[in-house]
Amino acid sequence: TWPAVTDCDRLDAVFDGLMAVGIYAAQNPGFTLQEG
């Protein structure tokens, strides 16, 4: 029932764009802020 493009798809695109400009963008790299 979901739309073809969701907010998570748009977030993925943002993160890909950040990686391209030198900002390492990671999704769920750890359970806490420090671990991440």
PDB file of all heavy atoms in Angstrom:
ATOM      1  N   THR A   1       0.817  -1.217   0.000  1.00  0.00           N
ATOM      2  CA  THR A   1       0.000   0.000   0.000  1.00  0.00           C
ATOM      3  C   THR A   1       0.853   1.270   0.000  1.00  0.00           C
ATOM      4  O   THR A   1       0.310   2.370  -0.081  1.00  0.00           O
ATOM      5  CB  THR A   1      -0.920   0.032   1.234  1.00  0.00           C
ATOM      6  OG1 THR A   1      -0.141   0.253   2.424  1.00  0.00           O
ATOM      7  CG2 THR A   1      -1.684  -1.270   1.375  1.00  0.00           C
ATOM      8  N   TRP A   2       2.176   1.126   0.089  1.00  0.00           N
ATOM      9  CA  TRP A   2       3.053   2.286   0.204  1.00  0.00           C
ATOM     10  C   TRP A   2       3.264   2.963  -1.151  1.00  0.00           C
ATOM     11  O   TRP A   2       3.172   2.318  -2.203  1.00  0.00           O
ATOM     12  CB  TRP A   2       4.410   1.868   0.758  1.00  0.00           C
ATOM     13  CG  TRP A   2       4.386   1.428   2.186  1.00  0.00           C
ATOM     14  CD1 TRP A   2       3.326   1.427   3.029  1.00  0.00           C
ATOM     15  CD2 TRP A   2       5.503   0.909   2.922  1.00  0.00           C
ATOM     16  NE1 TRP A   2       3.692   0.945   4.265  1.00  0.00           N
ATOM     17  CE2 TRP A   2       5.024   0.628   4.225  1.00  0.00           C
ATOM     18  CE3 TRP A   2       6.832   0.667   2.619  1.00  0.00           C
ATOM     19  CZ2 TRP A   2       5.849   0.105   5.210  1.00  0.00           C
ATOM     20  CZ3 TRP A   2       7.658   0.145   3.602  1.00  0.00           C
ATOM     21  CH2 TRP A   2       7.172  -0.125   4.888  1.00  0.00           C
ATOM     22  N   PRO A   3       3.590   4.255  -1.143  1.00  0.00           N
ATOM     23  CA  PRO A   3       3.926   4.926  -2.404  1.00  0.00           C
ATOM     24  C   PRO A   3       5.222   4.374  -2.979  1.00  0.00           C
ATOM     25  O   PRO A   3       6.020   3.754  -2.265  1.00  0.00           O
ATOM     26  CB  PRO A   3       4.089   6.397  -1.977  1.00  0.00           C
ATOM     27  CG  PRO A   3       4.402   6.351  -0.516  1.00  0.00           C
ATOM     28  CD  PRO A   3       3.655   5.169   0.024  1.00  0.00           C
ATOM     29  N   ALA A   4       5.424   4.623  -4.260  1.00  0.00           N
ATOM     30  CA  ALA A   4       6.620   4.096  -4.922  1.00  0.00           C
ATOM     31  C   ALA A   4       7.894   4.632  -4.281  1.00  0.00           C
ATOM     32  O   ALA A   4       8.886   3.920  -4.142  1.00  0.00           O
ATOM     33  CB  ALA A   4       6.581   4.445  -6.405  1.00  0.00           C
ATOM     34  N   VAL A   5       7.885   5.903  -3.889  1.00  0.00           N
ATOM     35  CA  VAL A   5       9.038   6.528  -3.231  1.00  0.00           C
ATOM     36  C   VAL A   5       8.615   6.951  -1.827  1.00  0.00           C
ATOM     37  O   VAL A   5       7.665   7.718  -1.666  1.00  0.00           O
ATOM     38  CB  VAL A   5       9.553   7.749  -4.016  1.00  0.00           C
ATOM     39  CG1 VAL A   5      10.718   8.414  -3.276  1.00  0.00           C
ATOM     40  CG2 VAL A   5       9.977   7.341  -5.424  1.00  0.00           C
ATOM     41  N   THR A   6       9.295   6.434  -0.832  1.00  0.00           N
ATOM     42  CA  THR A   6       8.974   6.741   0.562  1.00  0.00           C
ATOM     43  C   THR A   6      10.005   7.714   1.138  1.00  0.00           C
ATOM     44  O   THR A   6      11.023   8.015   0.520  1.00  0.00           O
ATOM     45  CB  THR A   6       8.969   5.461   1.414  1.00  0.00           C
ATOM     46  OG1 THR A   6      10.326   4.982   1.527  1.00  0.00           O
ATOM     47  CG2 THR A   6       8.087   4.388   0.801  1.00  0.00           C
ATOM     48  N   ASP A   7       9.726   8.179   2.356  1.00  0.00           N
ATOM     49  CA  ASP A   7      10.690   9.043   3.035  1.00  0.00           C
ATOM     50  C   ASP A   7      12.038   8.349   3.203  1.00  0.00           C
ATOM     51  O   ASP A   7      13.095   8.995   3.136  1.00  0.00           O
ATOM     52  CB  ASP A   7      10.161   9.452   4.418  1.00  0.00           C
ATOM     53  CG  ASP A   7       9.164  10.594   4.338  1.00  0.00           C
ATOM     54  OD1 ASP A   7       8.893  11.084   3.225  1.00  0.00           O
ATOM     55  OD2 ASP A   7       8.646  11.009   5.398  1.00  0.00           O
ATOM     56  N   CYS A   8      12.020   7.050   3.434  1.00  0.00           N
ATOM     57  CA  CYS A   8      13.283   6.322   3.592  1.00  0.00           C
ATOM     58  C   CYS A   8      14.069   6.292   2.287  1.00  0.00           C
ATOM     59  O   CYS A   8      15.309   6.365   2.301  1.00  0.00           O
ATOM     60  CB  CYS A   8      13.029   4.908   4.109  1.00  0.00           C
ATOM     61  SG  CYS A   8      12.475   4.865   5.830  1.00  0.00           S
ATOM     62  N   ASP A   9      13.378   6.197   1.165  1.00  0.00           N
ATOM     63  CA  ASP A   9      14.059   6.272  -0.128  1.00  0.00           C
ATOM     64  C   ASP A   9      14.698   7.643  -0.301  1.00  0.00           C
ATOM     65  O   ASP A   9      15.831   7.761  -0.789  1.00  0.00           O
ATOM     66  CB  ASP A   9      13.074   6.011  -1.275  1.00  0.00           C
ATOM     67  CG  ASP A   9      12.506   4.607  -1.253  1.00  0.00           C
ATOM     68  OD1 ASP A   9      13.256   3.672  -0.944  1.00  0.00           O
ATOM     69  OD2 ASP A   9      11.302   4.452  -1.540  1.00  0.00           O
ATOM     70  N   ARG A  10      13.983   8.682   0.103  1.00  0.00           N
ATOM     71  CA  ARG A  10      14.519  10.038  -0.020  1.00  0.00           C
ATOM     72  C   ARG A  10      15.687  10.238   0.943  1.00  0.00           C
ATOM     73  O   ARG A  10      16.660  10.922   0.607  1.00  0.00           O
ATOM     74  CB  ARG A  10      13.423  11.069   0.231  1.00  0.00           C
ATOM     75  CG  ARG A  10      12.339  11.052  -0.847  1.00  0.00           C
ATOM     76  CD  ARG A  10      11.413  12.234  -0.779  1.00  0.00           C
ATOM     77  NE  ARG A  10      10.589  12.197   0.424  1.00  0.00           N
ATOM     78  CZ  ARG A  10      10.465  13.200   1.275  1.00  0.00           C
ATOM     79  NH1 ARG A  10      11.140  14.323   1.096  1.00  0.00           N
ATOM     80  NH2 ARG A  10       9.668  13.097   2.323  1.00  0.00           N
ATOM     81  N   LEU A  11      15.608   9.638   2.119  1.00  0.00           N
ATOM     82  CA  LEU A  11      16.724   9.728   3.062  1.00  0.00           C
ATOM     83  C   LEU A  11      17.964   9.034   2.500  1.00  0.00           C
ATOM     84  O   LEU A  11      19.084   9.543   2.634  1.00  0.00           O
ATOM     85  CB  LEU A  11      16.327   9.096   4.398  1.00  0.00           C
ATOM     86  CG  LEU A  11      17.359   9.202   5.524  1.00  0.00           C
ATOM     87  CD1 LEU A  11      17.544  10.656   5.956  1.00  0.00           C
ATOM     88  CD2 LEU A  11      16.939   8.346   6.723  1.00  0.00           C
ATOM     89  N   ASP A  12      17.768   7.886   1.869  1.00  0.00           N
ATOM     90  CA  ASP A  12      18.888   7.188   1.234  1.00  0.00           C
ATOM     91  C   ASP A  12      19.570   8.086   0.200  1.00  0.00           C
ATOM     92  O   ASP A  12      20.807   8.137   0.112  1.00  0.00           O
ATOM     93  CB  ASP A  12      18.404   5.915   0.532  1.00  0.00           C
ATOM     94  CG  ASP A  12      17.977   4.829   1.511  1.00  0.00           C
ATOM     95  OD1 ASP A  12      18.270   4.954   2.709  1.00  0.00           O
ATOM     96  OD2 ASP A  12      17.343   3.860   1.051  1.00  0.00           O
ATOM     97  N   ALA A  13      18.767   8.784  -0.592  1.00  0.00           N
ATOM     98  CA  ALA A  13      19.317   9.660  -1.621  1.00  0.00           C
ATOM     99  C   ALA A  13      20.102  10.810  -0.995  1.00  0.00           C
ATOM    100  O   ALA A  13      21.168  11.196  -1.510  1.00  0.00           O
ATOM    101  CB  ALA A  13      18.198  10.195  -2.513  1.00  0.00           C
ATOM    102  N   VAL A  14      19.587  11.355   0.095  1.00  0.00           N
ATOM    103  CA  VAL A  14      20.306  12.421   0.802  1.00  0.00           C
ATOM    104  C   VAL A  14      21.648  11.906   1.305  1.00  0.00           C
ATOM    105  O   VAL A  14      22.690  12.559   1.137  1.00  0.00           O
ATOM    106  CB  VAL A  14      19.469  12.975   1.970  1.00  0.00           C
ATOM    107  CG1 VAL A  14      20.312  13.894   2.857  1.00  0.00           C
ATOM    108  CG2 VAL A  14      18.263  13.737   1.451  1.00  0.00           C
ATOM    109  N   PHE A  15      21.635  10.724   1.922  1.00  0.00           N
ATOM    110  CA  PHE A  15      22.879  10.163   2.450  1.00  0.00           C
ATOM    111  C   PHE A  15      23.885   9.890   1.331  1.00  0.00           C
ATOM    112  O   PHE A  15      25.089  10.112   1.492  1.00  0.00           O
ATOM    113  CB  PHE A  15      22.582   8.888   3.246  1.00  0.00           C
ATOM    114  CG  PHE A  15      22.247   9.148   4.694  1.00  0.00           C
ATOM    115  CD1 PHE A  15      21.481  10.246   5.065  1.00  0.00           C
ATOM    116  CD2 PHE A  15      22.684   8.299   5.681  1.00  0.00           C
ATOM    117  CE1 PHE A  15      21.175  10.503   6.392  1.00  0.00           C
ATOM    118  CE2 PHE A  15      22.390   8.531   7.021  1.00  0.00           C
ATOM    119  CZ  PHE A  15      21.634   9.642   7.377  1.00  0.00           C
ATOM    120  N   ASP A  16      23.399   9.417   0.189  1.00  0.00           N
ATOM    121  CA  ASP A  16      24.295   9.196  -0.955  1.00  0.00           C
ATOM    122  C   ASP A  16      24.925  10.516  -1.399  1.00  0.00           C
ATOM    123  O   ASP A  16      26.124  10.572  -1.708  1.00  0.00           O
ATOM    124  CB  ASP A  16      23.527   8.575  -2.123  1.00  0.00           C
ATOM    125  CG  ASP A  16      23.168   7.120  -1.891  1.00  0.00           C
ATOM    126  OD1 ASP A  16      23.748   6.500  -0.971  1.00  0.00           O
ATOM    127  OD2 ASP A  16      22.298   6.606  -2.616  1.00  0.00           O
ATOM    128  N   GLY A  17      24.115  11.574  -1.412  1.00  0.00           N
ATOM    129  CA  GLY A  17      24.621  12.877  -1.800  1.00  0.00           C
ATOM    130  C   GLY A  17      25.645  13.416  -0.821  1.00  0.00           C
ATOM    131  O   GLY A  17      26.638  14.042  -1.225  1.00  0.00           O
ATOM    132  N   LEU A  18      25.431  13.175   0.469  1.00  0.00           N
ATOM    133  CA  LEU A  18      26.390  13.622   1.476  1.00  0.00           C
ATOM    134  C   LEU A  18      27.731  12.898   1.317  1.00  0.00           C
ATOM    135  O   LEU A  18      28.793  13.502   1.446  1.00  0.00           O
ATOM    136  CB  LEU A  18      25.825  13.389   2.878  1.00  0.00           C
ATOM    137  CG  LEU A  18      24.613  14.239   3.261  1.00  0.00           C
ATOM    138  CD1 LEU A  18      24.058  13.797   4.610  1.00  0.00           C
ATOM    139  CD2 LEU A  18      24.959  15.726   3.290  1.00  0.00           C
ATOM    140  N   MET A  19      27.655  11.609   1.046  1.00  0.00           N
ATOM    141  CA  MET A  19      28.891  10.845   0.822  1.00  0.00           C
ATOM    142  C   MET A  19      29.690  11.446  -0.334  1.00  0.00           C
ATOM    143  O   MET A  19      30.924  11.508  -0.294  1.00  0.00           O
ATOM    144  CB  MET A  19      28.556   9.387   0.518  1.00  0.00           C
ATOM    145  CG  MET A  19      27.947   8.609   1.677  1.00  0.00           C
ATOM    146  SD  MET A  19      29.157   8.107   2.928  1.00  0.00           S
ATOM    147  CE  MET A  19      29.943   6.721   2.099  1.00  0.00           C
ATOM    148  N   ALA A  20      28.983  11.923  -1.350  1.00  0.00           N
ATOM    149  CA  ALA A  20      29.647  12.466  -2.537  1.00  0.00           C
ATOM    150  C   ALA A  20      30.348  13.788  -2.269  1.00  0.00           C
ATOM    151  O   ALA A  20      31.234  14.180  -3.043  1.00  0.00           O
ATOM    152  CB  ALA A  20      28.632  12.633  -3.671  1.00  0.00           C
ATOM    153  N   VAL A  21      29.971  14.469  -1.177  1.00  0.00           N
ATOM    154  CA  VAL A  21      30.597  15.759  -0.874  1.00  0.00           C
ATOM    155  C   VAL A  21      31.485  15.675   0.368  1.00  0.00           C
ATOM    156  O   VAL A  21      31.782  16.682   1.000  1.00  0.00           O
ATOM    157  CB  VAL A  21      29.542  16.880  -0.716  1.00  0.00           C
ATOM    158  CG1 VAL A  21      28.805  17.100  -2.023  1.00  0.00           C
ATOM    159  CG2 VAL A  21      28.563  16.579   0.420  1.00  0.00           C
ATOM    160  N   GLY A  22      31.886  14.457   0.730  1.00  0.00           N
ATOM    161  CA  GLY A  22      32.857  14.296   1.801  1.00  0.00           C
ATOM    162  C   GLY A  22      32.305  14.190   3.206  1.00  0.00           C
ATOM    163  O   GLY A  22      33.057  14.327   4.176  1.00  0.00           O
ATOM    164  N   ILE A  23      31.010  13.924   3.316  1.00  0.00           N
ATOM    165  CA  ILE A  23      30.404  13.703   4.634  1.00  0.00           C
ATOM    166  C   ILE A  23      29.997  12.238   4.719  1.00  0.00           C
ATOM    167  O   ILE A  23      29.099  11.799   3.990  1.00  0.00           O
ATOM    168  CB  ILE A  23      29.187  14.617   4.863  1.00  0.00           C
ATOM    169  CG1 ILE A  23      29.623  16.085   4.836  1.00  0.00           C
ATOM    170  CG2 ILE A  23      28.503  14.293   6.195  1.00  0.00           C
ATOM    171  CD1 ILE A  23      28.479  17.076   4.905  1.00  0.00           C
ATOM    172  N   TYR A  24      30.671  11.491   5.567  1.00  0.00           N
ATOM    173  CA  TYR A  24      30.403  10.060   5.664  1.00  0.00           C
ATOM    174  C   TYR A  24      29.053   9.865   6.363  1.00  0.00           C
ATOM    175  O   TYR A  24      28.899  10.175   7.541  1.00  0.00           O
ATOM    176  CB  TYR A  24      31.498   9.343   6.441  1.00  0.00           C
ATOM    177  CG  TYR A  24      31.394   7.838   6.357  1.00  0.00           C
ATOM    178  CD1 TYR A  24      32.048   7.149   5.333  1.00  0.00           C
ATOM    179  CD2 TYR A  24      30.624   7.121   7.262  1.00  0.00           C
ATOM    180  CE1 TYR A  24      31.940   5.773   5.229  1.00  0.00           C
ATOM    181  CE2 TYR A  24      30.514   5.748   7.159  1.00  0.00           C
ATOM    182  CZ  TYR A  24      31.163   5.080   6.139  1.00  0.00           C
ATOM    183  OH  TYR A  24      31.040   3.712   6.037  1.00  0.00           O
ATOM    184  N   ALA A  25      28.069   9.356   5.619  1.00  0.00           N
ATOM    185  CA  ALA A  25      26.701   9.221   6.116  1.00  0.00           C
ATOM    186  C   ALA A  25      26.379   7.741   6.321  1.00  0.00           C
ATOM    187  O   ALA A  25      26.410   6.967   5.359  1.00  0.00           O
ATOM    188  CB  ALA A  25      25.718   9.856   5.143  1.00  0.00           C
ATOM    189  N   ALA A  26      26.092   7.367   7.553  1.00  0.00           N
ATOM    190  CA  ALA A  26      25.884   5.958   7.889  1.00  0.00           C
ATOM    191  C   ALA A  26      24.515   5.766   8.544  1.00  0.00           C
ATOM    192  O   ALA A  26      24.082   6.586   9.354  1.00  0.00           O
ATOM    193  CB  ALA A  26      26.979   5.472   8.827  1.00  0.00           C
ATOM    194  N   GLN A  27      23.885   4.668   8.194  1.00  0.00           N
ATOM    195  CA  GLN A  27      22.587   4.348   8.766  1.00  0.00           C
ATOM    196  C   GLN A  27      22.741   3.219   9.784  1.00  0.00           C
ATOM    197  O   GLN A  27      23.182   2.129   9.464  1.00  0.00           O
ATOM    198  CB  GLN A  27      21.605   3.950   7.666  1.00  0.00           C
ATOM    199  CG  GLN A  27      21.510   5.020   6.576  1.00  0.00           C
ATOM    200  CD  GLN A  27      20.215   4.989   5.803  1.00  0.00           C
ATOM    201  OE1 GLN A  27      19.138   4.887   6.382  1.00  0.00           O
ATOM    202  NE2 GLN A  27      20.296   5.110   4.495  1.00  0.00           N
ATOM    203  N   ASN A  28      22.429   3.549  11.038  1.00  0.00           N
ATOM    204  CA  ASN A  28      22.458   2.583  12.133  1.00  0.00           C
ATOM    205  C   ASN A  28      23.826   1.916  12.317  1.00  0.00           C
ATOM    206  O   ASN A  28      23.927   0.688  12.373  1.00  0.00           O
ATOM    207  CB  ASN A  28      21.370   1.521  11.917  1.00  0.00           C
ATOM    208  CG  ASN A  28      21.119   0.671  13.143  1.00  0.00           C
ATOM    209  OD1 ASN A  28      21.263   1.126  14.276  1.00  0.00           O
ATOM    210  ND2 ASN A  28      20.737  -0.584  12.929  1.00  0.00           N
ATOM    211  N   PRO A  29      24.897   2.694  12.458  1.00  0.00           N
ATOM    212  CA  PRO A  29      26.225   2.082  12.632  1.00  0.00           C
ATOM    213  C   PRO A  29      26.492   1.582  14.046  1.00  0.00           C
ATOM    214  O   PRO A  29      27.544   0.990  14.302  1.00  0.00           O
ATOM    215  CB  PRO A  29      27.169   3.235  12.274  1.00  0.00           C
ATOM    216  CG  PRO A  29      26.427   4.459  12.695  1.00  0.00           C
ATOM    217  CD  PRO A  29      24.984   4.163  12.386  1.00  0.00           C
ATOM    218  N   GLY A  30      25.568   1.815  14.961  1.00  0.00           N
ATOM    219  CA  GLY A  30      25.739   1.360  16.341  1.00  0.00           C
ATOM    220  C   GLY A  30      24.471   1.637  17.122  1.00  0.00           C
ATOM    221  O   GLY A  30      23.562   2.306  16.629  1.00  0.00           O
ATOM    222  N   PHE A  31      24.417   1.124  18.349  1.00  0.00           N
ATOM    223  CA  PHE A  31      23.187   1.267  19.132  1.00  0.00           C
ATOM    224  C   PHE A  31      23.117   2.589  19.880  1.00  0.00           C
ATOM    225  O   PHE A  31      22.036   3.065  20.203  1.00  0.00           O
ATOM    226  CB  PHE A  31      23.066   0.106  20.129  1.00  0.00           C
ATOM    227  CG  PHE A  31      21.737   0.059  20.826  1.00  0.00           C
ATOM    228  CD1 PHE A  31      20.567  -0.209  20.125  1.00  0.00           C
ATOM    229  CD2 PHE A  31      21.639   0.315  22.191  1.00  0.00           C
ATOM    230  CE1 PHE A  31      19.331  -0.234  20.768  1.00  0.00           C
ATOM    231  CE2 PHE A  31      20.416   0.289  22.840  1.00  0.00           C
ATOM    232  CZ  PHE A  31      19.265   0.010  22.125  1.00  0.00           C
ATOM    233  N   THR A  32      24.258   3.205  20.158  1.00  0.00           N
ATOM    234  CA  THR A  32      24.297   4.465  20.895  1.00  0.00           C
ATOM    235  C   THR A  32      25.069   5.508  20.094  1.00  0.00           C
ATOM    236  O   THR A  32      25.737   5.179  19.107  1.00  0.00           O
ATOM    237  CB  THR A  32      24.980   4.294  22.264  1.00  0.00           C
ATOM    238  OG1 THR A  32      26.367   3.954  22.048  1.00  0.00           O
ATOM    239  CG2 THR A  32      24.310   3.196  23.087  1.00  0.00           C
ATOM    240  N   LEU A  33      25.001   6.746  20.556  1.00  0.00           N
ATOM    241  CA  LEU A  33      25.714   7.821  19.886  1.00  0.00           C
ATOM    242  C   LEU A  33      27.214   7.564  19.893  1.00  0.00           C
ATOM    243  O   LEU A  33      27.896   7.730  18.874  1.00  0.00           O
ATOM    244  CB  LEU A  33      25.397   9.155  20.586  1.00  0.00           C
ATOM    245  CG  LEU A  33      25.756  10.442  19.850  1.00  0.00           C
ATOM    246  CD1 LEU A  33      24.994  10.544  18.540  1.00  0.00           C
ATOM    247  CD2 LEU A  33      25.466  11.649  20.731  1.00  0.00           C
ATOM    248  N   GLN A  34      27.732   7.138  21.026  1.00  0.00           N
ATOM    249  CA  GLN A  34      29.167   6.886  21.139  1.00  0.00           C
ATOM    250  C   GLN A  34      29.597   5.726  20.257  1.00  0.00           C
ATOM    251  O   GLN A  34      30.605   5.796  19.544  1.00  0.00           O
ATOM    252  CB  GLN A  34      29.545   6.621  22.595  1.00  0.00           C
ATOM    253  CG  GLN A  34      31.042   6.500  22.835  1.00  0.00           C
ATOM    254  CD  GLN A  34      31.375   6.333  24.312  1.00  0.00           C
ATOM    255  OE1 GLN A  34      30.766   5.521  25.007  1.00  0.00           O
ATOM    256  NE2 GLN A  34      32.338   7.102  24.796  1.00  0.00           N
ATOM    257  N   GLU A  35      28.834   4.635  20.299  1.00  0.00           N
ATOM    258  CA  GLU A  35      29.173   3.476  19.477  1.00  0.00           C
ATOM    259  C   GLU A  35      29.096   3.825  17.992  1.00  0.00           C
ATOM    260  O   GLU A  35      29.949   3.401  17.198  1.00  0.00           O
ATOM    261  CB  GLU A  35      28.226   2.320  19.799  1.00  0.00           C
ATOM    262  CG  GLU A  35      28.556   1.030  19.063  1.00  0.00           C
ATOM    263  CD  GLU A  35      27.591  -0.100  19.381  1.00  0.00           C
ATOM    264  OE1 GLU A  35      26.487   0.165  19.914  1.00  0.00           O
ATOM    265  OE2 GLU A  35      27.941  -1.255  19.094  1.00  0.00           O
ATOM    266  N   GLY A  36      28.081   4.604  17.626  1.00  0.00           N
ATOM    267  CA  GLY A  36      27.956   5.010  16.235  1.00  0.00           C
ATOM    268  C   GLY A  36      29.145   5.830  15.769  1.00  0.00           C
ATOM    269  O   GLY A  36      29.662   5.631  14.669  1.00  0.00           O
TER     270      GLY A  36
END
